[in-house]
């Protein structure tokens, strides 16, 4: 798991109702983590728990509550952590924070249970149960954004003291902030610039929380050293400043700060300084994570495209990929469930268009490559994943499987809606098209062109290949190994296609399919909104 520091932030409480008379609240802090992929968590979520009007189970005094957090793992509730006990308190605010790795591509079911501590036992059955609340981590939303500001500094030096006998100095800078214990804590070190008294360091970016705990008035100490390979770096000088002061620097008027060596200052009467450190520019921006966009209210608009071409086989025949077995499932349904149950937590109305392609439709039996599977062209929406599954099962007996396997009409269908969303002034909508197909694409040139155009839009395409066909063309669309080009030679702006062959996951738990399918999506969402310079809805300016 990718480890990194969490940021603390001011966040708003969001109430959860507990059984039967209690309520509890939590706050959320999110911190982006490293590269997104199945082996990384997108961020860590920190939950602060408090309760109100809890049941009083003690006779002579008030309850002594503590909270236990459980997560569902393989169908069983596993304890992750528990808070301290709040003695004689029916309205506790627990100091202990629950920290969870947040995985967008998984349904993470949580249960918060409150107990009244009666003994010093670790066994929960020894304590009185006060109530519990269950939800998914995906539902824990509508929170205030964490402090995701970053500061980018561009620094230089002029006429620094010469420390080396036979050459010039090799200067570098160290930035410190005051710690809780009053000691200075190192937060950033620049690279070393060799053989110069007038260094220009590369611009660097650090989280504002790291540099000054998010307080732009907090003092920052900057120390300048001459690098020595044996680690005995020579001290050149130092100064104190603040982020607010450094932000006065503009490209046209840099901020100049005197670098002082206190020992030299005491000894020499006419001592001025040991050189000048220049803040060439200082910019504060926000570095939004996927969770920031989601918590800010971005809706993931989910559309399903289902392949009804003849190569799938007659749906009444058990060998057909569309045959619904006695368990009530097939590979198409498994893929819809696996992906849909994750996405639906992120769409407030849970109404999803479901489209089919490659079939002849009643009453005139014309071939269609984009039809509503509920046969309502003006309202192709299904209610939740269950609605998609019902519409799919209901339409199978009424259509004739045909061909060819044309993808571009459905890609362009969703792209039309995504194109309208390019007018958004904040990150409010992102479109996801799930195409489930059994075979080789017939309109490869048109599909490549459609995908390249869609790469400019707030849109991603997930292709799940069912059956045992040759999926080489699908791998080609998934631009992991090389940039996808249109037949006109135009390159995709970004990789928006994720292809997964279902056969690799036939015997695996359905969660592993969802993980593989959705692993790249958070990265794609962030990449689009950053590229367009769109902040989350309701985000404050940096």
Foldseek 3Di string as FASTA:
>chain_A
DFDDDFADFDKDWDKDDWPDFKIKTWAWAWDATDDFALVAFRTKIKIWMKMAQFDAPDDPAGFFKKKWKWKQDPNDTDTDDIFDTRPRDRTGGTPDIDIGRHHLLFFIKMKIWMWGDDDPDPDRVNTHTGTMDIDTPLLPFLMFYGQQKKKKWWKKWFQFAADDPPFRFFKKKWKWFQDPVRDTDTQDIFDTHPGDRIGTTDIDMDRPCSRYNVDQQGKMKMWMWGDDPVPPTHTGFIDIDGNVRQQVADQVRKDKDFGADVVVPVVDPPDDGRTIMIGNHMDMFGQDFLSQQLNLAAAEAEEEEEEQACVQDQLCDVSGQNPQDPVRDGLVLLLLVLQQVSRQSRHVQQWHAYWYAQWQAPDVRDGGGTAQLLRPRVRSIARGSVRNSVSSVVSSVGIGHHDDAADLVVLVVVLVVQVVVVPDQANHYAYEYEYEEAEDHPPLLSNLVSQLVSLLTSYAYEYEHEDDYDCPSLVQLQQPPHFRAHPVRHTRPDGRYQYHYCVVCPPPPSSVVSSSRCSCVSVSNSVNCVVSVHHRNPHDGD
